[in-house]
Amino acid sequence: MNDVTATPAGSASGSSFYAAMRILPRAQRDAMFLIYSFCRQVDDIADSDGPREERLAALDEWRRDVDALYAGNPPARLRDYVAAVKEFGLKRDDFIAIIDGMEMDVPADIRAPDAATLDLYCDRVASAVGRLSVRVFGLPEQDGILLSHYLGRALQLTNILRDIDEDAGLGRLYLPRELLDAAGVSSRDPAAVIADPNLPKACVPLAMQALGHFQKADEIMARNARRTVRAPRIMSHYYRAIFEKLLARGFALPRPPVKLSKAAKMSILLRYAVI
């Protein structure tokens, strides 16, 4: 589950990203769609059904292409990125971090990582996308990095909590082992974990971590110009609404899917799209 569009990226759904980005001025919007396209292409490789060795090789090729872009010799598939990289000061290390994050699922499916590994995963697949995005949005450097840190993790942890059953069907388990152990869930088999009656005891503490990240992100956005945080604020509120639905539903079986209605999405967009 590499929901990269969960960043001032993630993905409450593809439509939430598109809605949030379409309110931007054209140059910013075009740059964000390039970032989104990069994430999707790399994610598609990592999540494909191809042999793991081939997927690793394809991701390495993307690393070489990013290096070529920053060396002034962009390959055809990254030629359109030259102007955005220059105009918005997009960093090579953030593109590489995204590739590294996608790759974490490739050698073997992630199953109950330790807390530090999970945080690294969230940083790479979500916060790194955020670091690219906030440069496009025009946030000050320090607050941009902080917003990427907190909002990226809030969105990615929400994804993890939302997609527990879907990920288990793919053989993946992103809940940290420390929380599973504390909850009395000893298995690392995703199918067994999602059926364990103690699972909610592991999910709730992770949800509280996500809540803390949402709150920190809100504080950062509140002290910045509204025009620079319109898009991340929309994404945050989409995800916060999903997060609150997850808490209301709970994490015990049965776990019906949690989604936002079109009306709810439109309400958030209309409320926060105007400067």
C-alpha atoms as a PDB file:
ATOM      1  CA  MET A   1       0.000   0.000   0.000  1.00  0.00           C
ATOM      2  CA  ASN A   2       2.028   2.878  -1.273  1.00  0.00           C
ATOM      3  CA  ASP A   3      -0.556   5.627  -1.172  1.00  0.00           C
ATOM      4  CA  VAL A   4       1.852   8.279  -2.129  1.00  0.00           C
ATOM      5  CA  THR A   5      -0.725  10.640  -3.268  1.00  0.00           C
ATOM      6  CA  ALA A   6      -1.170  10.930   0.331  1.00  0.00           C
ATOM      7  CA  THR A   7       1.058  13.695   0.748  1.00  0.00           C
ATOM      8  CA  PRO A   8       0.214  16.889   0.554  1.00  0.00           C
ATOM      9  CA  ALA A   9       0.101  13.869  -0.986  1.00  0.00           C
ATOM     10  CA  GLY A  10      -1.878  10.387  -0.118  1.00  0.00           C
ATOM     11  CA  SER A  11      -4.913   9.322  -1.272  1.00  0.00           C
ATOM     12  CA  ALA A  12      -8.260   9.690   0.236  1.00  0.00           C
ATOM     13  CA  SER A  13      -8.833   8.980  -3.398  1.00  0.00           C
ATOM     14  CA  GLY A  14      -7.404  10.190  -6.661  1.00  0.00           C
ATOM     15  CA  SER A  15     -10.235  12.683  -6.895  1.00  0.00           C
ATOM     16  CA  SER A  16      -9.243  14.371  -3.630  1.00  0.00           C
ATOM     17  CA  PHE A  17      -5.759  15.020  -4.971  1.00  0.00           C
ATOM     18  CA  TYR A  18      -7.060  16.383  -8.260  1.00  0.00           C
ATOM     19  CA  ALA A  19      -9.590  18.609  -6.543  1.00  0.00           C
ATOM     20  CA  ALA A  20      -6.987  20.024  -4.161  1.00  0.00           C
ATOM     21  CA  MET A  21      -4.464  20.676  -6.921  1.00  0.00           C
ATOM     22  CA  ARG A  22      -6.839  22.242  -9.442  1.00  0.00           C
ATOM     23  CA  ILE A  23      -7.279  25.304  -7.229  1.00  0.00           C
ATOM     24  CA  LEU A  24      -3.597  26.194  -7.680  1.00  0.00           C
ATOM     25  CA  PRO A  25      -2.198  28.695 -10.195  1.00  0.00           C
ATOM     26  CA  ARG A  26      -1.167  26.980 -13.414  1.00  0.00           C
ATOM     27  CA  ALA A  27       2.601  26.766 -12.827  1.00  0.00           C
ATOM     28  CA  GLN A  28       2.087  25.268  -9.381  1.00  0.00           C
ATOM     29  CA  ARG A  29      -0.636  22.943 -10.632  1.00  0.00           C
ATOM     30  CA  ASP A  30       1.513  21.679 -13.488  1.00  0.00           C
ATOM     31  CA  ALA A  31       4.442  21.056 -11.130  1.00  0.00           C
ATOM     32  CA  MET A  32       2.225  19.136  -8.711  1.00  0.00           C
ATOM     33  CA  PHE A  33       0.892  16.923 -11.480  1.00  0.00           C
ATOM     34  CA  LEU A  34       4.472  16.143 -12.496  1.00  0.00           C
ATOM     35  CA  ILE A  35       5.259  15.136  -8.903  1.00  0.00           C
ATOM     36  CA  TYR A  36       2.086  13.045  -8.812  1.00  0.00           C
ATOM     37  CA  SER A  37       2.988  11.380 -12.112  1.00  0.00           C
ATOM     38  CA  PHE A  38       6.456  10.519 -10.835  1.00  0.00           C
ATOM     39  CA  CYS A  39       4.996   8.955  -7.696  1.00  0.00           C
ATOM     40  CA  ARG A  40       2.424   6.946  -9.606  1.00  0.00           C
ATOM     41  CA  GLN A  41       4.936   5.581 -12.104  1.00  0.00           C
ATOM     42  CA  VAL A  42       7.351   4.489  -9.400  1.00  0.00           C
ATOM     43  CA  ASP A  43       4.531   3.104  -7.252  1.00  0.00           C
ATOM     44  CA  ASP A  44       3.171   1.101 -10.182  1.00  0.00           C
ATOM     45  CA  ILE A  45       6.539  -0.620 -10.501  1.00  0.00           C
ATOM     46  CA  ALA A  46       6.761  -1.421  -6.790  1.00  0.00           C
ATOM     47  CA  ASP A  47       3.194  -2.749  -6.630  1.00  0.00           C
ATOM     48  CA  SER A  48       3.242  -4.709  -9.877  1.00  0.00           C
ATOM     49  CA  ASP A  49       3.071  -8.485 -10.063  1.00  0.00           C
ATOM     50  CA  GLY A  50       6.389  -8.722 -11.898  1.00  0.00           C
ATOM     51  CA  PRO A  51       9.400 -10.624 -10.554  1.00  0.00           C
ATOM     52  CA  ARG A  52      10.993  -8.833  -7.629  1.00  0.00           C
ATOM     53  CA  GLU A  53      14.382  -8.684  -9.363  1.00  0.00           C
ATOM     54  CA  GLU A  54      12.844  -6.932 -12.366  1.00  0.00           C
ATOM     55  CA  ARG A  55      11.054  -4.426 -10.170  1.00  0.00           C
ATOM     56  CA  LEU A  56      14.281  -3.633  -8.288  1.00  0.00           C
ATOM     57  CA  ALA A  57      16.075  -3.116 -11.599  1.00  0.00           C
ATOM     58  CA  ALA A  58      13.319  -0.818 -12.850  1.00  0.00           C
ATOM     59  CA  LEU A  59      13.526   1.273  -9.680  1.00  0.00           C
ATOM     60  CA  ASP A  60      17.300   1.505 -10.073  1.00  0.00           C
ATOM     61  CA  GLU A  61      16.736   2.808 -13.582  1.00  0.00           C
ATOM     62  CA  TRP A  62      14.540   5.557 -12.142  1.00  0.00           C
ATOM     63  CA  ARG A  63      17.343   6.487  -9.742  1.00  0.00           C
ATOM     64  CA  ARG A  64      19.742   6.799 -12.641  1.00  0.00           C
ATOM     65  CA  ASP A  65      17.230   8.928 -14.524  1.00  0.00           C
ATOM     66  CA  VAL A  66      16.816  11.274 -11.549  1.00  0.00           C
ATOM     67  CA  ASP A  67      20.597  11.593 -11.292  1.00  0.00           C
ATOM     68  CA  ALA A  68      20.745  12.393 -15.017  1.00  0.00           C
ATOM     69  CA  LEU A  69      18.033  15.034 -14.581  1.00  0.00           C
ATOM     70  CA  TYR A  70      20.043  16.810 -11.894  1.00  0.00           C
ATOM     71  CA  ALA A  71      23.268  16.414 -13.907  1.00  0.00           C
ATOM     72  CA  GLY A  72      21.695  18.431 -16.716  1.00  0.00           C
ATOM     73  CA  ASN A  73      21.055  15.512 -19.053  1.00  0.00           C
ATOM     74  CA  PRO A  74      17.422  14.558 -18.409  1.00  0.00           C
ATOM     75  CA  PRO A  75      16.081  11.395 -20.053  1.00  0.00           C
ATOM     76  CA  ALA A  76      12.977  11.719 -22.203  1.00  0.00           C
ATOM     77  CA  ARG A  77      10.555  10.739 -19.450  1.00  0.00           C
ATOM     78  CA  LEU A  78      11.870  13.474 -17.124  1.00  0.00           C
ATOM     79  CA  ARG A  79      12.461  16.239 -19.666  1.00  0.00           C
ATOM     80  CA  ASP A  80       9.274  18.042 -18.638  1.00  0.00           C
ATOM     81  CA  TYR A  81      10.580  18.229 -15.056  1.00  0.00           C
ATOM     82  CA  VAL A  82      13.486  20.552 -15.833  1.00  0.00           C
ATOM     83  CA  ALA A  83      11.520  23.799 -15.557  1.00  0.00           C
ATOM     84  CA  ALA A  84       9.702  22.787 -12.351  1.00  0.00           C
ATOM     85  CA  VAL A  85      12.917  21.638 -10.671  1.00  0.00           C
ATOM     86  CA  LYS A  86      14.496  25.002 -11.447  1.00  0.00           C
ATOM     87  CA  GLU A  87      11.497  27.221 -10.689  1.00  0.00           C
ATOM     88  CA  PHE A  88      10.557  25.625  -7.369  1.00  0.00           C
ATOM     89  CA  GLY A  89      13.930  24.328  -6.175  1.00  0.00           C
ATOM     90  CA  LEU A  90      12.816  20.699  -6.046  1.00  0.00           C
ATOM     91  CA  LYS A  91      15.448  18.526  -4.370  1.00  0.00           C
ATOM     92  CA  ARG A  92      17.005  15.408  -5.872  1.00  0.00           C
ATOM     93  CA  ASP A  93      17.137  13.721  -2.453  1.00  0.00           C
ATOM     94  CA  ASP A  94      13.357  13.863  -2.120  1.00  0.00           C
ATOM     95  CA  PHE A  95      12.782  12.144  -5.464  1.00  0.00           C
ATOM     96  CA  ILE A  96      15.323   9.480  -4.482  1.00  0.00           C
ATOM     97  CA  ALA A  97      13.679   9.050  -1.069  1.00  0.00           C
ATOM     98  CA  ILE A  98      10.349   8.331  -2.768  1.00  0.00           C
ATOM     99  CA  ILE A  99      11.963   5.601  -4.866  1.00  0.00           C
ATOM    100  CA  ASP A 100      13.649   4.191  -1.758  1.00  0.00           C
ATOM    101  CA  GLY A 101      10.312   4.130   0.041  1.00  0.00           C
ATOM    102  CA  MET A 102       8.544   2.318  -2.760  1.00  0.00           C
ATOM    103  CA  GLU A 103      11.372  -0.184  -2.845  1.00  0.00           C
ATOM    104  CA  MET A 104      10.866  -1.139   0.806  1.00  0.00           C
ATOM    105  CA  ASP A 105       7.976  -3.404  -0.235  1.00  0.00           C
ATOM    106  CA  VAL A 106       9.858  -5.044  -3.101  1.00  0.00           C
ATOM    107  CA  PRO A 107      12.558  -7.413  -1.736  1.00  0.00           C
ATOM    108  CA  ALA A 108       9.889  -8.839   0.586  1.00  0.00           C
ATOM    109  CA  ASP A 109       6.430  -7.677   1.660  1.00  0.00           C
ATOM    110  CA  ILE A 110       6.517  -5.504   4.757  1.00  0.00           C
ATOM    111  CA  ARG A 111       5.164  -7.372   7.757  1.00  0.00           C
ATOM    112  CA  ALA A 112       5.013  -5.817  11.224  1.00  0.00           C
ATOM    113  CA  PRO A 113       8.024  -3.498  10.886  1.00  0.00           C
ATOM    114  CA  ASP A 114       9.543  -2.042  14.014  1.00  0.00           C
ATOM    115  CA  ALA A 115       8.434   1.489  14.817  1.00  0.00           C
ATOM    116  CA  ALA A 116      11.611   3.092  13.435  1.00  0.00           C
ATOM    117  CA  THR A 117      11.246   1.263  10.109  1.00  0.00           C
ATOM    118  CA  LEU A 118       7.589   2.253   9.847  1.00  0.00           C
ATOM    119  CA  ASP A 119       8.501   5.883  10.488  1.00  0.00           C
ATOM    120  CA  LEU A 120      11.203   5.723   7.805  1.00  0.00           C
ATOM    121  CA  TYR A 121       8.669   4.220   5.406  1.00  0.00           C
ATOM    122  CA  CYS A 122       6.207   7.045   6.148  1.00  0.00           C
ATOM    123  CA  ASP A 123       8.941   9.633   5.672  1.00  0.00           C
ATOM    124  CA  ARG A 124       9.900   8.249   2.277  1.00  0.00           C
ATOM    125  CA  VAL A 125       6.526   7.508   0.725  1.00  0.00           C
ATOM    126  CA  ALA A 126       4.612  10.447   2.218  1.00  0.00           C
ATOM    127  CA  SER A 127       6.725  13.155   3.836  1.00  0.00           C
ATOM    128  CA  ALA A 128       9.249  13.205   0.969  1.00  0.00           C
ATOM    129  CA  VAL A 129       6.388  13.896  -1.417  1.00  0.00           C
ATOM    130  CA  GLY A 130       5.336  16.621   0.978  1.00  0.00           C
ATOM    131  CA  ARG A 131       8.801  18.178   0.916  1.00  0.00           C
ATOM    132  CA  LEU A 132       8.553  18.481  -2.859  1.00  0.00           C
ATOM    133  CA  SER A 133       5.007  19.782  -2.632  1.00  0.00           C
ATOM    134  CA  VAL A 134       5.533  22.526  -0.059  1.00  0.00           C
ATOM    135  CA  ARG A 135       8.254  24.027  -2.251  1.00  0.00           C
ATOM    136  CA  VAL A 136       5.684  24.281  -5.003  1.00  0.00           C
ATOM    137  CA  PHE A 137       3.116  25.765  -2.631  1.00  0.00           C
ATOM    138  CA  GLY A 138       5.617  28.420  -1.499  1.00  0.00           C
ATOM    139  CA  LEU A 139       5.823  27.734   2.234  1.00  0.00           C
ATOM    140  CA  PRO A 140       8.821  29.061   4.167  1.00  0.00           C
ATOM    141  CA  GLU A 141      11.618  26.476   4.318  1.00  0.00           C
ATOM    142  CA  GLN A 142      11.427  25.497   7.995  1.00  0.00           C
ATOM    143  CA  ASP A 143       7.640  25.358   8.248  1.00  0.00           C
ATOM    144  CA  GLY A 144       7.468  23.543   4.919  1.00  0.00           C
ATOM    145  CA  ILE A 145       9.720  20.783   6.193  1.00  0.00           C
ATOM    146  CA  LEU A 146       7.788  20.563   9.452  1.00  0.00           C
ATOM    147  CA  LEU A 147       4.432  20.437   7.667  1.00  0.00           C
ATOM    148  CA  SER A 148       5.724  17.686   5.402  1.00  0.00           C
ATOM    149  CA  HIS A 149       6.878  15.724   8.429  1.00  0.00           C
ATOM    150  CA  TYR A 150       3.646  15.887  10.377  1.00  0.00           C
ATOM    151  CA  LEU A 151       1.028  15.922   7.639  1.00  0.00           C
ATOM    152  CA  GLY A 152       2.776  13.233   5.615  1.00  0.00           C
ATOM    153  CA  ARG A 153       2.815  10.908   8.602  1.00  0.00           C
ATOM    154  CA  ALA A 154      -0.780  11.746   9.539  1.00  0.00           C
ATOM    155  CA  LEU A 155      -1.988  10.861   6.055  1.00  0.00           C
ATOM    156  CA  GLN A 156       0.087   7.716   5.715  1.00  0.00           C
ATOM    157  CA  LEU A 157      -0.913   6.353   9.138  1.00  0.00           C
ATOM    158  CA  THR A 158      -4.531   7.026   8.200  1.00  0.00           C
ATOM    159  CA  ASN A 159      -3.975   5.016   5.018  1.00  0.00           C
ATOM    160  CA  ILE A 160      -2.487   2.170   7.025  1.00  0.00           C
ATOM    161  CA  LEU A 161      -5.397   2.099   9.458  1.00  0.00           C
ATOM    162  CA  ARG A 162      -7.943   2.369   6.653  1.00  0.00           C
ATOM    163  CA  ASP A 163      -6.377  -0.360   4.506  1.00  0.00           C
ATOM    164  CA  ILE A 164      -5.509  -3.036   7.079  1.00  0.00           C
ATOM    165  CA  ASP A 165      -7.707  -5.679   5.454  1.00  0.00           C
ATOM    166  CA  GLU A 166      -6.808  -4.746   1.885  1.00  0.00           C
ATOM    167  CA  ASP A 167      -3.092  -4.842   2.680  1.00  0.00           C
ATOM    168  CA  ALA A 168      -3.431  -8.205   4.407  1.00  0.00           C
ATOM    169  CA  GLY A 169      -4.942  -9.554   1.199  1.00  0.00           C
ATOM    170  CA  LEU A 170      -1.665  -8.559  -0.497  1.00  0.00           C
ATOM    171  CA  GLY A 171       0.389 -10.232   2.210  1.00  0.00           C
ATOM    172  CA  ARG A 172       1.369  -6.969   3.871  1.00  0.00           C
ATOM    173  CA  LEU A 173       1.094  -5.768   7.444  1.00  0.00           C
ATOM    174  CA  TYR A 174       2.192  -2.227   8.290  1.00  0.00           C
ATOM    175  CA  LEU A 175       1.192  -2.144  11.965  1.00  0.00           C
ATOM    176  CA  PRO A 176       4.373  -1.841  14.059  1.00  0.00           C
ATOM    177  CA  ARG A 177       5.468  -4.922  15.950  1.00  0.00           C
ATOM    178  CA  GLU A 178       5.808  -3.016  19.227  1.00  0.00           C
ATOM    179  CA  LEU A 179       2.098  -2.177  19.214  1.00  0.00           C
ATOM    180  CA  LEU A 180       1.137  -5.704  18.161  1.00  0.00           C
ATOM    181  CA  ASP A 181       3.221  -7.186  20.973  1.00  0.00           C
ATOM    182  CA  ALA A 182       1.759  -4.777  23.532  1.00  0.00           C
ATOM    183  CA  ALA A 183      -1.740  -5.742  22.371  1.00  0.00           C
ATOM    184  CA  GLY A 184      -0.994  -9.447  22.751  1.00  0.00           C
ATOM    185  CA  VAL A 185      -0.971 -10.137  19.014  1.00  0.00           C
ATOM    186  CA  SER A 186       1.923 -12.537  18.537  1.00  0.00           C
ATOM    187  CA  SER A 187       1.408 -13.595  14.915  1.00  0.00           C
ATOM    188  CA  ARG A 188       3.088 -11.796  12.018  1.00  0.00           C
ATOM    189  CA  ASP A 189       0.874 -13.469   9.438  1.00  0.00           C
ATOM    190  CA  PRO A 190      -1.393 -10.705   8.051  1.00  0.00           C
ATOM    191  CA  ALA A 191      -4.389 -13.016   7.700  1.00  0.00           C
ATOM    192  CA  ALA A 192      -4.108 -14.120  11.323  1.00  0.00           C
ATOM    193  CA  VAL A 193      -3.528 -10.606  12.614  1.00  0.00           C
ATOM    194  CA  ILE A 194      -6.640  -9.103  11.002  1.00  0.00           C
ATOM    195  CA  ALA A 195      -8.744 -11.864  12.581  1.00  0.00           C
ATOM    196  CA  ASP A 196      -7.226 -11.438  16.054  1.00  0.00           C
ATOM    197  CA  PRO A 197      -9.729  -9.980  18.558  1.00  0.00           C
ATOM    198  CA  ASN A 198      -6.896  -7.977  20.139  1.00  0.00           C
ATOM    199  CA  LEU A 199      -6.187  -6.080  16.918  1.00  0.00           C
ATOM    200  CA  PRO A 200      -8.033  -2.904  18.029  1.00  0.00           C
ATOM    201  CA  LYS A 201      -5.619  -2.607  20.970  1.00  0.00           C
ATOM    202  CA  ALA A 202      -2.802  -2.187  18.449  1.00  0.00           C
ATOM    203  CA  CYS A 203      -4.723   0.143  16.142  1.00  0.00           C
ATOM    204  CA  VAL A 204      -5.895   2.704  18.675  1.00  0.00           C
ATOM    205  CA  PRO A 205      -2.397   3.797  19.791  1.00  0.00           C
ATOM    206  CA  LEU A 206      -1.383   4.194  16.145  1.00  0.00           C
ATOM    207  CA  ALA A 207      -4.507   6.273  15.582  1.00  0.00           C
ATOM    208  CA  MET A 208      -3.499   8.505  18.490  1.00  0.00           C
ATOM    209  CA  GLN A 209      -0.108   9.005  16.855  1.00  0.00           C
ATOM    210  CA  ALA A 210      -1.859  10.048  13.663  1.00  0.00           C
ATOM    211  CA  LEU A 211      -4.080  12.446  15.625  1.00  0.00           C
ATOM    212  CA  GLY A 212      -1.018  14.091  17.157  1.00  0.00           C
ATOM    213  CA  HIS A 213       0.462  14.560  13.688  1.00  0.00           C
ATOM    214  CA  PHE A 214      -2.779  16.095  12.400  1.00  0.00           C
ATOM    215  CA  GLN A 215      -2.779  18.545  15.304  1.00  0.00           C
ATOM    216  CA  LYS A 216       0.841  19.585  14.730  1.00  0.00           C
ATOM    217  CA  ALA A 217       0.133  20.066  11.017  1.00  0.00           C
ATOM    218  CA  ASP A 218      -2.875  22.243  11.856  1.00  0.00           C
ATOM    219  CA  GLU A 219      -0.700  24.471  14.052  1.00  0.00           C
ATOM    220  CA  ILE A 220       1.811  24.959  11.240  1.00  0.00           C
ATOM    221  CA  MET A 221      -0.839  25.726   8.628  1.00  0.00           C
ATOM    222  CA  ALA A 222      -2.573  28.185  10.966  1.00  0.00           C
ATOM    223  CA  ARG A 223       0.522  30.394  11.169  1.00  0.00           C
ATOM    224  CA  ASN A 224       1.134  30.539   7.414  1.00  0.00           C
ATOM    225  CA  ALA A 225      -0.526  32.558   4.677  1.00  0.00           C
ATOM    226  CA  ARG A 226      -3.763  30.916   3.602  1.00  0.00           C
ATOM    227  CA  ARG A 227      -2.813  30.997  -0.062  1.00  0.00           C
ATOM    228  CA  THR A 228       0.248  28.809   0.623  1.00  0.00           C
ATOM    229  CA  VAL A 229      -1.636  26.157   2.581  1.00  0.00           C
ATOM    230  CA  ARG A 230      -4.916  25.878   0.652  1.00  0.00           C
ATOM    231  CA  ALA A 231      -4.028  22.599  -1.057  1.00  0.00           C
ATOM    232  CA  PRO A 232      -2.486  20.848   1.980  1.00  0.00           C
ATOM    233  CA  ARG A 233      -5.376  22.054   4.131  1.00  0.00           C
ATOM    234  CA  ILE A 234      -7.878  20.450   1.737  1.00  0.00           C
ATOM    235  CA  MET A 235      -5.929  17.186   1.751  1.00  0.00           C
ATOM    236  CA  SER A 236      -5.679  17.320   5.537  1.00  0.00           C
ATOM    237  CA  HIS A 237      -9.408  17.783   5.962  1.00  0.00           C
ATOM    238  CA  TYR A 238     -10.223  14.974   3.516  1.00  0.00           C
ATOM    239  CA  TYR A 239      -8.056  12.642   5.526  1.00  0.00           C
ATOM    240  CA  ARG A 240      -9.165  13.946   8.887  1.00  0.00           C
ATOM    241  CA  ALA A 241     -12.745  13.161   7.898  1.00  0.00           C
ATOM    242  CA  ILE A 242     -11.743   9.607   6.958  1.00  0.00           C
ATOM    243  CA  PHE A 243      -9.739   9.316  10.169  1.00  0.00           C
ATOM    244  CA  GLU A 244     -12.745  10.334  12.263  1.00  0.00           C
ATOM    245  CA  LYS A 245     -14.925   7.811  10.441  1.00  0.00           C
ATOM    246  CA  LEU A 246     -12.363   5.110  11.232  1.00  0.00           C
ATOM    247  CA  LEU A 247     -12.427   5.993  14.914  1.00  0.00           C
ATOM    248  CA  ALA A 248     -16.224   5.980  14.935  1.00  0.00           C
ATOM    249  CA  ARG A 249     -16.338   2.595  13.176  1.00  0.00           C
ATOM    250  CA  GLY A 250     -13.633   1.053  15.331  1.00  0.00           C
ATOM    251  CA  PHE A 251     -11.151  -1.644  14.383  1.00  0.00           C
ATOM    252  CA  ALA A 252     -12.937  -4.794  15.522  1.00  0.00           C
ATOM    253  CA  LEU A 253     -14.582  -7.133  13.041  1.00  0.00           C
ATOM    254  CA  PRO A 254     -16.553  -6.520  10.942  1.00  0.00           C
ATOM    255  CA  ARG A 255     -14.723  -3.574   9.361  1.00  0.00           C
ATOM    256  CA  PRO A 256     -16.812  -2.137   6.524  1.00  0.00           C
ATOM    257  CA  PRO A 257     -14.850   0.124   4.159  1.00  0.00           C
ATOM    258  CA  VAL A 258     -14.625   3.778   5.137  1.00  0.00           C
ATOM    259  CA  LYS A 259     -15.094   6.347   2.385  1.00  0.00           C
ATOM    260  CA  LEU A 260     -16.123   9.955   1.992  1.00  0.00           C
ATOM    261  CA  SER A 261     -19.228  10.778   0.015  1.00  0.00           C
ATOM    262  CA  LYS A 262     -19.004  13.119  -2.950  1.00  0.00           C
ATOM    263  CA  ALA A 263     -21.051  15.633  -0.978  1.00  0.00           C
ATOM    264  CA  ALA A 264     -18.597  15.530   1.929  1.00  0.00           C
ATOM    265  CA  LYS A 265     -15.648  16.016  -0.418  1.00  0.00           C
ATOM    266  CA  MET A 266     -17.349  18.922  -2.153  1.00  0.00           C
ATOM    267  CA  SER A 267     -18.149  20.551   1.173  1.00  0.00           C
ATOM    268  CA  ILE A 268     -14.478  20.442   2.210  1.00  0.00           C
ATOM    269  CA  LEU A 269     -13.342  21.746  -1.155  1.00  0.00           C
ATOM    270  CA  LEU A 270     -15.757  24.670  -1.124  1.00  0.00           C
ATOM    271  CA  ARG A 271     -14.876  25.582   2.440  1.00  0.00           C
ATOM    272  CA  TYR A 272     -11.110  25.668   2.040  1.00  0.00           C
ATOM    273  CA  ALA A 273     -10.515  26.466  -1.630  1.00  0.00           C
ATOM    274  CA  VAL A 274     -11.179  30.190  -1.235  1.00  0.00           C
ATOM    275  CA  ILE A 275      -8.377  32.385   0.068  1.00  0.00           C
END
